[in-house]
Amino acid sequence: MLDLPIRNIYLARELVDMRKSYDTLSDHIRFHLKKDPLSGDAFVFIGKSRNRLKILFWEESGFWLCCKRLEKGTFSKLLMESLCNDELDSKISSSQWHNLLEGIIVVSSRRLKRYKKIK
């Protein structure tokens, strides 16, 4: 696995045409997610058939665009909706990211309180 300097992971709520590349995906980030594609955050896009995924992020010298295609099955619509349950923020945790990739749906969970540094 690549060890890349990703700060946060954001999941796009709407399904995306997987023919899109660097420029059109970064425009989608600016206008639909209202985020800066050059921030160092990773942005995840799921294809309309839900068997493909792209992740776009900026690293100091340029964009990275990574792709994954499932040979069998799809990324769960239920899981995607549960990850993006907040209208304002589509930020997901690293454990939610791994669940999305592995196809794990957590039916009921509760996060225990943890210390969080306020910026």
Protein backbone atom coordinates (compact mmCIF):
# COMPACT_ATOMS: atom_id res chain seq x y z
CA MET A 1 0.00 0.00 0.00
CA LEU A 2 1.21 3.49 -0.79
CA ASP A 3 1.90 5.73 2.18
CA LEU A 4 0.63 9.06 0.91
CA PRO A 5 0.26 12.31 2.89
CA ILE A 6 -3.55 12.45 2.94
CA ARG A 7 -5.15 14.66 5.62
CA ASN A 8 -8.89 14.02 5.34
CA ILE A 9 -11.10 11.82 3.16
CA TYR A 10 -14.30 13.16 1.61
CA LEU A 11 -16.89 11.03 -0.18
CA ALA A 12 -18.92 12.56 -3.02
CA ARG A 13 -22.61 11.84 -2.40
CA GLU A 14 -23.69 11.68 -6.01
CA LEU A 15 -22.54 8.98 -8.41
CA VAL A 16 -20.06 10.19 -11.04
CA ASP A 17 -19.21 9.31 -14.63
CA MET A 18 -15.92 7.42 -14.38
CA ARG A 19 -14.67 8.91 -17.66
CA LYS A 20 -13.98 12.12 -15.73
CA SER A 21 -10.36 12.85 -14.98
CA TYR A 22 -8.21 15.35 -13.07
CA ASP A 23 -9.71 18.65 -14.22
CA THR A 24 -13.41 17.72 -14.24
CA LEU A 25 -13.14 15.93 -10.88
CA SER A 26 -11.35 18.92 -9.33
CA ASP A 27 -14.13 21.19 -10.70
CA HIS A 28 -16.67 18.84 -9.09
CA ILE A 29 -14.82 19.22 -5.78
CA ARG A 30 -14.86 23.03 -6.03
CA PHE A 31 -18.47 23.51 -7.10
CA HIS A 32 -20.37 20.57 -5.59
CA LEU A 33 -18.40 19.69 -2.46
CA LYS A 34 -17.34 23.32 -1.85
CA LYS A 35 -13.81 22.22 -0.98
CA ASP A 36 -10.34 23.07 -2.26
CA PRO A 37 -8.90 20.23 -4.38
CA LEU A 38 -5.36 21.52 -3.63
CA SER A 39 -5.81 21.17 0.14
CA GLY A 40 -4.12 17.78 0.51
CA ASP A 41 -7.45 16.12 1.29
CA ALA A 42 -8.55 13.02 -0.64
CA PHE A 43 -11.83 13.00 -2.54
CA VAL A 44 -13.59 9.73 -3.34
CA PHE A 45 -15.95 9.30 -6.28
CA ILE A 46 -18.12 6.24 -6.98
CA GLY A 47 -19.15 5.36 -10.54
CA LYS A 48 -22.76 5.19 -11.71
CA SER A 49 -22.62 1.39 -11.90
CA ARG A 50 -21.15 1.42 -8.34
CA ASN A 51 -18.41 -1.06 -9.22
CA ARG A 52 -15.73 1.59 -9.80
CA LEU A 53 -14.14 4.11 -7.50
CA LYS A 54 -11.70 6.98 -8.04
CA ILE A 55 -9.80 8.92 -5.42
CA LEU A 56 -8.25 12.28 -6.29
CA PHE A 57 -5.85 14.24 -4.13
CA TRP A 58 -3.16 16.86 -4.43
CA GLU A 59 0.39 16.15 -3.39
CA GLU A 60 2.99 18.95 -3.44
CA SER A 61 3.93 18.46 -7.11
CA GLY A 62 0.62 17.46 -8.69
CA PHE A 63 -2.58 15.44 -8.58
CA TRP A 64 -2.81 11.73 -7.83
CA LEU A 65 -5.73 9.85 -9.36
CA CYS A 66 -6.16 6.30 -8.11
CA CYS A 67 -8.81 3.91 -9.40
CA LYS A 68 -10.35 0.66 -8.21
CA ARG A 69 -12.70 -1.64 -10.14
CA LEU A 70 -14.52 -4.42 -8.36
CA GLU A 71 -14.45 -7.68 -10.32
CA LYS A 72 -17.63 -8.83 -8.61
CA GLY A 73 -20.27 -6.93 -6.64
CA THR A 74 -20.79 -3.21 -6.07
CA PHE A 75 -20.07 -0.55 -3.50
CA SER A 76 -23.15 -0.58 -1.29
CA LYS A 77 -25.62 2.28 -1.79
CA LEU A 78 -26.78 1.80 1.81
CA LEU A 79 -23.20 2.15 3.07
CA MET A 80 -22.60 5.24 0.94
CA GLU A 81 -25.79 6.88 2.25
CA SER A 82 -24.93 6.05 5.86
CA LEU A 83 -21.44 7.55 5.44
CA CYS A 84 -22.91 10.77 4.04
CA ASN A 85 -25.76 11.20 6.49
CA ASP A 86 -24.83 14.80 7.29
CA GLU A 87 -26.05 17.31 4.71
CA LEU A 88 -23.10 19.65 5.18
CA ASP A 89 -20.14 17.33 5.44
CA SER A 90 -19.16 14.19 3.58
CA LYS A 91 -15.93 13.65 5.54
CA ILE A 92 -15.35 10.02 6.44
CA SER A 93 -12.96 8.38 8.91
CA SER A 94 -10.24 5.93 7.95
CA SER A 95 -12.29 3.07 9.42
CA GLN A 96 -15.32 4.09 7.31
CA TRP A 97 -13.00 4.26 4.28
CA HIS A 98 -11.81 0.71 4.91
CA ASN A 99 -15.39 -0.49 5.41
CA LEU A 100 -16.36 1.06 2.07
CA LEU A 101 -13.48 -0.68 0.28
CA GLU A 102 -14.15 -4.02 1.98
CA GLY A 103 -17.94 -3.86 1.53
CA ILE A 104 -18.66 -3.98 5.26
CA ILE A 105 -21.98 -2.52 6.38
CA VAL A 106 -22.24 -1.70 10.06
CA VAL A 107 -25.94 -1.85 10.87
CA SER A 108 -25.76 -0.22 14.27
CA SER A 109 -22.82 1.42 15.94
CA ARG A 110 -22.02 4.12 18.41
CA ARG A 111 -18.74 6.00 18.65
CA LEU A 112 -17.41 6.44 22.18
CA LYS A 113 -16.15 9.85 23.24
CA ARG A 114 -12.54 10.55 22.46
CA TYR A 115 -10.33 13.59 22.87
CA LYS A 116 -10.36 15.88 19.84
CA LYS A 117 -8.06 18.88 19.58
CA ILE A 118 -9.96 22.03 18.68
CA LYS A 119 -8.33 24.05 15.91
